[in-house]
Protein backbone atom coordinates (compact mmCIF):
# COMPACT_ATOMS: atom_id res chain seq x y z
CA UNK A 1 57.02 74.86 30.38
CA UNK A 2 58.07 71.31 29.40
CA UNK A 3 61.70 72.03 30.67
CA UNK A 4 60.20 73.18 33.93
CA UNK A 5 58.22 69.90 34.30
CA UNK A 6 61.03 67.48 33.20
CA UNK A 7 63.98 69.12 35.04
CA UNK A 8 62.88 68.01 38.58
CA UNK A 9 62.18 64.46 37.41
CA UNK A 10 65.59 64.24 35.71
CA UNK A 11 67.36 65.63 38.79
CA UNK A 12 65.50 63.03 40.95
CA UNK A 13 66.55 60.21 38.57
CA UNK A 14 70.10 61.32 38.70
CA UNK A 15 70.37 61.50 42.47
CA UNK A 16 68.36 58.36 43.26
CA UNK A 17 70.33 56.08 45.55
CA UNK A 18 71.46 52.65 44.36
CA UNK A 19 69.60 49.62 45.66
CA UNK A 20 70.81 48.57 49.10
CA UNK A 21 72.32 45.26 49.58
CA UNK A 22 70.04 42.64 51.08
CA UNK A 23 70.51 39.42 53.12
CA UNK A 24 68.13 36.63 54.11
CA UNK A 25 68.48 33.68 56.58
CA UNK A 26 66.73 30.40 56.38
CA UNK A 27 66.71 26.89 57.92
CA UNK A 28 66.09 23.38 56.64
CA UNK A 29 65.70 20.42 58.86
CA UNK A 30 65.25 16.66 57.97
CA UNK A 31 64.74 14.62 61.06
CA UNK A 32 63.25 10.94 61.41
CA UNK A 33 62.66 8.12 63.56
CA UNK A 34 63.53 4.77 61.93
CA UNK A 35 62.89 1.03 62.71
CA UNK A 36 64.94 -1.35 60.82
CA UNK A 37 62.87 -4.49 60.76
CA UNK A 38 65.21 -6.38 58.46
CA UNK A 39 68.06 -7.19 58.65
CA UNK A 40 68.65 -7.49 62.42
CA UNK A 41 71.51 -5.75 64.14
CA UNK A 42 73.98 -7.25 66.54
CA UNK A 43 74.46 -5.58 69.94
CA UNK A 44 77.47 -5.50 72.25
CA UNK A 45 76.54 -8.89 73.75
CA UNK A 46 76.10 -10.53 70.33
CA UNK A 47 72.32 -10.70 70.50
CA UNK A 48 70.24 -10.05 67.34
CA UNK A 49 68.14 -6.91 68.03
CA UNK A 50 65.81 -4.73 65.99
CA UNK A 51 67.67 -1.43 65.40
CA UNK A 52 65.67 1.75 65.89
CA UNK A 53 66.57 5.26 66.73
CA UNK A 54 66.08 9.01 66.15
CA UNK A 55 68.15 10.57 63.35
CA UNK A 56 69.02 13.94 61.93
CA UNK A 57 69.79 13.36 58.42
CA UNK A 58 70.10 16.88 57.24
CA UNK A 59 70.20 20.44 58.70
CA UNK A 60 70.77 23.41 56.47
CA UNK A 61 71.60 27.00 57.53
CA UNK A 62 70.94 29.11 54.35
CA UNK A 63 72.30 32.67 53.97
CA UNK A 64 71.31 34.37 50.67
CA UNK A 65 71.71 37.89 49.64
CA UNK A 66 72.25 40.55 46.88
CA UNK A 67 75.33 42.75 46.65
CA UNK A 68 73.93 44.67 43.61
CA UNK A 69 70.85 44.25 41.48
CA UNK A 70 72.89 41.78 39.34
CA UNK A 71 75.20 40.07 41.81
CA UNK A 72 73.91 37.75 44.50
CA UNK A 73 75.27 34.88 46.61
CA UNK A 74 74.37 31.87 48.68
CA UNK A 75 76.14 30.08 51.60
CA UNK A 76 74.65 26.94 53.04
CA UNK A 77 76.06 24.77 55.79
CA UNK A 78 75.14 21.07 56.04
CA UNK A 79 75.63 18.45 58.74
CA UNK A 80 77.59 15.19 58.34
CA UNK A 81 78.50 12.37 60.66
CA UNK A 82 82.22 12.34 61.30
CA UNK A 83 83.40 8.78 60.69
CA UNK A 84 87.25 9.29 60.65
CA UNK A 85 88.83 6.66 63.10
CA UNK A 86 91.58 8.95 63.99
CA UNK A 87 89.42 12.09 64.71
CA UNK A 88 88.47 13.10 68.12
CA UNK A 89 85.04 13.98 66.76
CA UNK A 90 84.41 10.36 65.41
CA UNK A 91 80.69 9.92 65.70
CA UNK A 92 79.75 13.52 66.12
CA UNK A 93 77.50 15.50 63.85
CA UNK A 94 79.69 18.31 62.33
CA UNK A 95 78.82 21.27 59.98
CA UNK A 96 80.35 21.51 56.63
CA UNK A 97 79.72 23.60 53.48
CA UNK A 98 77.04 22.43 51.03
CA UNK A 99 76.78 25.58 48.88
CA UNK A 100 78.87 28.65 48.52
CA UNK A 101 78.72 30.53 45.39
CA UNK A 102 78.33 33.85 43.78
CA UNK A 103 75.87 34.58 40.92
CA UNK A 104 75.81 37.12 38.18
CA UNK A 105 72.52 37.83 36.31
CA UNK A 106 73.20 38.48 32.62
CA UNK A 107 70.52 40.03 30.62
CA UNK A 108 66.99 39.44 31.89
CA UNK A 109 67.23 35.95 33.61
CA UNK A 110 70.43 34.10 32.55
CA UNK A 111 72.40 33.12 35.66
CA UNK A 112 76.17 32.63 35.86
CA UNK A 113 77.45 30.87 39.04
CA UNK A 114 80.92 30.25 40.32
CA UNK A 115 81.61 28.11 43.36
CA UNK A 116 80.19 25.28 45.36
CA UNK A 117 76.67 25.05 43.92
CA UNK A 118 73.71 22.66 42.97
CA UNK A 119 74.31 20.22 40.19
CA UNK A 120 71.90 20.54 37.21
CA UNK A 121 69.79 17.32 37.30
CA UNK A 122 68.90 16.91 40.98
CA UNK A 123 68.22 20.76 41.26
CA UNK A 124 65.99 20.53 38.20
CA UNK A 125 63.80 17.62 39.58
CA UNK A 126 63.35 18.71 43.19
CA UNK A 127 60.33 21.02 42.36
CA UNK A 128 58.29 18.00 41.20
CA UNK A 129 59.70 15.21 43.44
CA UNK A 130 59.22 16.90 46.90
CA UNK A 131 60.09 14.01 49.06
CA UNK A 132 63.86 14.25 49.31
CA UNK A 133 63.46 14.49 53.04
CA UNK A 134 62.49 10.77 52.87
CA UNK A 135 65.75 9.89 51.03
CA UNK A 136 67.73 10.74 48.02
CA UNK A 137 66.33 10.72 44.57
CA UNK A 138 66.78 7.74 42.22
CA UNK A 139 69.56 9.38 40.09
CA UNK A 140 71.47 10.28 43.22
CA UNK A 141 71.01 7.05 45.04
CA UNK A 142 71.79 4.71 42.22
CA UNK A 143 73.58 6.95 39.76
CA UNK A 144 76.28 8.15 42.19
CA UNK A 145 75.47 11.74 41.33
CA UNK A 146 76.13 14.54 43.89
CA UNK A 147 73.65 17.20 44.55
CA UNK A 148 76.52 19.78 44.95
CA UNK A 149 79.96 20.32 43.42
CA UNK A 150 82.50 23.04 42.68
CA UNK A 151 82.32 24.53 39.29
CA UNK A 152 81.26 27.27 36.84
CA UNK A 153 77.77 27.10 35.24
CA UNK A 154 75.39 28.98 33.21
CA UNK A 155 71.52 28.60 33.43
CA UNK A 156 69.21 30.28 30.99
CA UNK A 157 65.39 30.15 30.39
CA UNK A 158 64.01 29.21 27.04
CA UNK A 159 61.79 31.71 25.43
CA UNK A 160 58.05 32.00 26.40
CA UNK A 161 58.26 29.69 29.34
CA UNK A 162 59.33 26.58 27.40
CA UNK A 163 61.80 25.49 29.98
CA UNK A 164 65.54 26.12 30.70
CA UNK A 165 68.98 24.90 30.03
CA UNK A 166 71.68 24.46 32.72
CA UNK A 167 75.34 23.71 31.65
CA UNK A 168 78.36 23.50 33.81
CA UNK A 169 81.93 22.39 34.24
CA UNK A 170 82.56 20.92 37.72
CA UNK A 171 85.41 19.14 39.54
CA UNK A 172 83.20 15.99 39.40
CA UNK A 173 84.17 14.69 42.94
CA UNK A 174 81.19 16.27 44.74
CA UNK A 175 81.15 18.79 47.49
CA UNK A 176 82.52 16.50 50.22
CA UNK A 177 85.76 15.63 48.38
CA UNK A 178 88.62 17.82 46.87
CA UNK A 179 89.70 17.47 43.20
CA UNK A 180 92.01 14.47 42.90
CA UNK A 181 93.05 14.68 39.10
CA UNK A 182 93.18 16.75 36.04
CA UNK A 183 89.85 15.70 34.79
CA UNK A 184 86.68 17.83 34.90
CA UNK A 185 83.07 16.88 34.64
CA UNK A 186 80.72 18.37 32.00
CA UNK A 187 77.06 18.32 33.27
CA UNK A 188 74.34 19.39 31.00
CA UNK A 189 70.53 19.42 31.64
CA UNK A 190 67.78 20.67 29.36
CA UNK A 191 64.18 20.95 30.57
CA UNK A 192 61.36 21.32 28.00
CA UNK A 193 57.88 22.43 28.78
CA UNK A 194 56.07 21.79 25.44
CA UNK A 195 52.66 23.36 26.49
CA UNK A 196 53.51 26.06 28.96
CA UNK A 197 50.09 27.88 28.44
CA UNK A 198 47.84 24.95 28.16
CA UNK A 199 45.50 24.47 31.12
CA UNK A 200 46.52 20.83 31.52
CA UNK A 201 49.67 20.46 29.53
CA UNK A 202 51.52 23.16 31.41
CA UNK A 203 52.37 20.72 34.09
CA UNK A 204 54.30 18.48 31.71
CA UNK A 205 58.09 18.68 31.58
CA UNK A 206 60.64 16.59 29.68
CA UNK A 207 64.15 16.40 31.10
CA UNK A 208 67.35 15.25 29.42
CA UNK A 209 70.68 15.00 31.14
CA UNK A 210 74.22 14.05 30.19
CA UNK A 211 77.24 13.79 32.46
CA UNK A 212 80.77 13.33 30.99
CA UNK A 213 83.74 12.76 33.36
CA UNK A 214 86.77 10.49 33.76
CA UNK A 215 88.26 8.92 36.94
CA UNK A 216 91.57 9.32 35.17
CA UNK A 217 92.56 9.86 31.46
CA UNK A 218 91.07 6.93 29.45
CA UNK A 219 88.78 5.75 32.31
CA UNK A 220 85.30 7.15 31.72
CA UNK A 221 82.65 8.03 34.39
CA UNK A 222 79.50 8.74 32.36
CA UNK A 223 75.87 9.29 33.29
CA UNK A 224 72.95 9.73 31.00
CA UNK A 225 69.30 10.26 32.29
CA UNK A 226 65.95 11.18 31.12
CA UNK A 227 62.72 12.11 32.95
CA UNK A 228 59.14 12.81 32.16
CA UNK A 229 57.36 14.67 34.98
CA UNK A 230 53.88 16.04 35.38
CA UNK A 231 52.44 18.39 37.88
CA UNK A 232 48.69 18.78 38.45
CA UNK A 233 46.42 20.06 41.21
CA UNK A 234 45.57 16.57 42.06
CA UNK A 235 48.98 14.78 41.81
CA UNK A 236 52.66 14.81 40.82
CA UNK A 237 54.07 11.96 38.90
CA UNK A 238 57.32 11.08 37.01
CA UNK A 239 59.37 8.49 35.31
CA UNK A 240 63.21 8.41 35.41
CA UNK A 241 65.56 6.26 33.26
CA UNK A 242 69.27 6.30 33.76
CA UNK A 243 72.47 4.63 32.46
CA UNK A 244 75.85 4.79 34.03
CA UNK A 245 79.29 3.79 32.90
CA UNK A 246 82.20 3.31 35.24
CA UNK A 247 85.84 2.31 34.62
CA UNK A 248 87.96 3.24 37.73
CA UNK A 249 91.23 2.59 35.92
CA UNK A 250 92.25 2.06 32.26
CA UNK A 251 93.16 -1.55 32.96
CA UNK A 252 89.90 -2.36 34.70
CA UNK A 253 86.74 -3.70 33.19
CA UNK A 254 84.15 -1.10 32.06
CA UNK A 255 80.96 -1.52 34.23
CA UNK A 256 77.54 -0.49 32.89
CA UNK A 257 74.44 -0.10 35.09
CA UNK A 258 71.10 0.84 34.13
CA UNK A 259 67.50 1.15 35.63
CA UNK A 260 64.36 3.16 35.94
CA UNK A 261 62.15 4.76 38.70
CA UNK A 262 58.47 5.66 38.88
CA UNK A 263 56.69 7.76 41.39
CA UNK A 264 53.28 9.27 42.08
CA UNK A 265 52.17 11.63 44.91
CA UNK A 266 48.45 12.03 44.93
CA UNK A 267 47.01 15.16 46.78
CA UNK A 268 43.86 14.67 48.78
CA UNK A 269 43.55 18.45 49.33
CA UNK A 270 45.50 21.46 47.97
CA UNK A 271 49.03 20.66 47.06
CA UNK A 272 51.29 21.32 49.93
CA UNK A 273 48.44 21.75 52.25
CA UNK A 274 46.94 18.57 53.86
CA UNK A 275 47.16 14.91 53.24
CA UNK A 276 49.27 13.45 50.42
CA UNK A 277 50.44 9.97 49.41
CA UNK A 278 53.83 8.74 48.24
CA UNK A 279 54.40 5.71 46.05
CA UNK A 280 57.75 5.01 44.42
CA UNK A 281 59.38 2.05 42.72
CA UNK A 282 63.05 1.84 41.69
CA UNK A 283 64.77 -1.01 39.87
CA UNK A 284 68.53 -0.87 39.02
CA UNK A 285 70.91 -3.37 37.50
CA UNK A 286 74.34 -2.32 38.81
CA UNK A 287 76.14 -4.43 36.07
CA UNK A 288 74.30 -5.52 32.93
CA UNK A 289 76.87 -8.19 32.42
CA UNK A 290 76.23 -9.96 35.70
CA UNK A 291 72.84 -11.26 36.84
CA UNK A 292 71.36 -9.35 39.80
CA UNK A 293 69.20 -6.40 40.49
CA UNK A 294 68.24 -4.04 43.28
CA UNK A 295 64.57 -3.10 43.70
CA UNK A 296 63.14 -0.46 46.04
CA UNK A 297 59.55 0.15 47.02
CA UNK A 298 58.53 3.12 49.03
CA UNK A 299 55.02 3.75 50.21
CA UNK A 300 53.65 6.18 52.76
CA UNK A 301 51.40 9.05 53.66
CA UNK A 302 52.26 12.62 54.49
CA UNK A 303 50.61 15.61 56.04
CA UNK A 304 51.76 19.08 54.87
CA UNK A 305 50.78 21.63 57.48
CA UNK A 306 48.96 24.90 56.34
CA UNK A 307 51.32 27.65 56.65
CA UNK A 308 51.78 31.28 55.83
CA UNK A 309 54.23 32.50 53.10
CA UNK A 310 57.03 30.07 51.90
CA UNK A 311 57.56 28.25 55.12
CA UNK A 312 56.98 24.50 54.99
CA UNK A 313 56.29 21.86 57.57
CA UNK A 314 55.44 18.19 56.79
CA UNK A 315 55.33 14.78 58.43
CA UNK A 316 55.67 11.60 56.44
CA UNK A 317 55.08 7.94 57.72
CA UNK A 318 56.35 5.33 55.32
CA UNK A 319 57.85 1.87 54.62
CA UNK A 320 60.87 1.24 52.50
CA UNK A 321 61.85 -2.11 51.20
CA UNK A 322 64.85 -3.00 49.28
CA UNK A 323 65.40 -6.40 47.67
CA UNK A 324 68.59 -7.37 46.01
CA UNK A 325 69.45 -10.54 44.05
CA UNK A 326 72.92 -11.80 43.26
CA UNK A 327 73.85 -14.67 40.77
CA UNK A 328 77.25 -14.95 42.55
CA UNK A 329 75.71 -16.05 45.91
CA UNK A 330 72.34 -17.34 44.49
CA UNK A 331 70.74 -15.37 47.37
CA UNK A 332 68.11 -12.72 47.66
CA UNK A 333 68.53 -10.16 50.57
CA UNK A 334 65.77 -8.00 51.86
CA UNK A 335 65.91 -4.63 53.83
CA UNK A 336 62.80 -3.27 55.36
CA UNK A 337 62.52 0.01 57.34
CA UNK A 338 59.66 1.91 58.89
CA UNK A 339 60.07 5.56 59.46
CA UNK A 340 58.38 8.84 60.46
CA UNK A 341 60.08 11.80 58.77
CA UNK A 342 59.99 15.54 59.54
CA UNK A 343 60.59 18.45 57.18
CA UNK A 344 60.80 22.09 58.20
CA UNK A 345 62.04 24.89 55.92
CA UNK A 346 61.62 28.58 56.05
């Protein structure tokens, strides 16, 4: 009797078809209207004018899919302004690759990626700092880090939801440039969630990052950063600190820069649905041996439109002010921009 019951089930299991490959298509758009109050621009007649215009800062076309239950891929195109003086497309917006990688799932959740892919730190922060459509993050803007590069990486979760570790070997030149030497960049990020099941503490994450590379043999290009980030039903907040060391050639002087960034995004409704605020302050010293700093203040308000599923639409109105002091010129320059930004993803 048991054999009669089990034989049909065994036969069905043996003849079950393998999972069919899948493919998904998505789009991301960053657009804005920006008024540059300071400094003034000079037009064709030599007059000082207030520069303002509509911009498309980023447009992604995402294709993701699975080949087998363990093998998947992603291909993402990005836009860029062609600036080559000898190109017939000079000034045009052209598409280029941002991501193109294959991924192998090892065990339950470990991911091995090969190809053009997200770098560990920026990818690990975007879930908390959700305003990259306003501008690049502190570590990218002041640290010279790229959000994508060609390499081989491994990303694995820590047990029981305590975070994850992402380690990779990359070319180090970023996705927009080919490899130019025999040096490779080691990038390592570890994210710790010390209280993953606590009602309040589950929103806390501590991030450590180290980036070891060389321009050429004996000329270091190093980045070290740390972050404390917090997610809550009423706000997201974070603090970043960063140190960078650059020596473009063995005979040149080693330059060390360091700084920090603080941000808070209060929610006046449900997170991602309704009115939110954005306040961010950056301060960075490009060369600790030379007097002079760069400070950035970003303040604004955003409205995230209610939407079904994972699609996202948001509008942000903000002001950005950058002040830079220099001991060499004994001057303090100020940049001030007013902008309305649009985000659409699906």
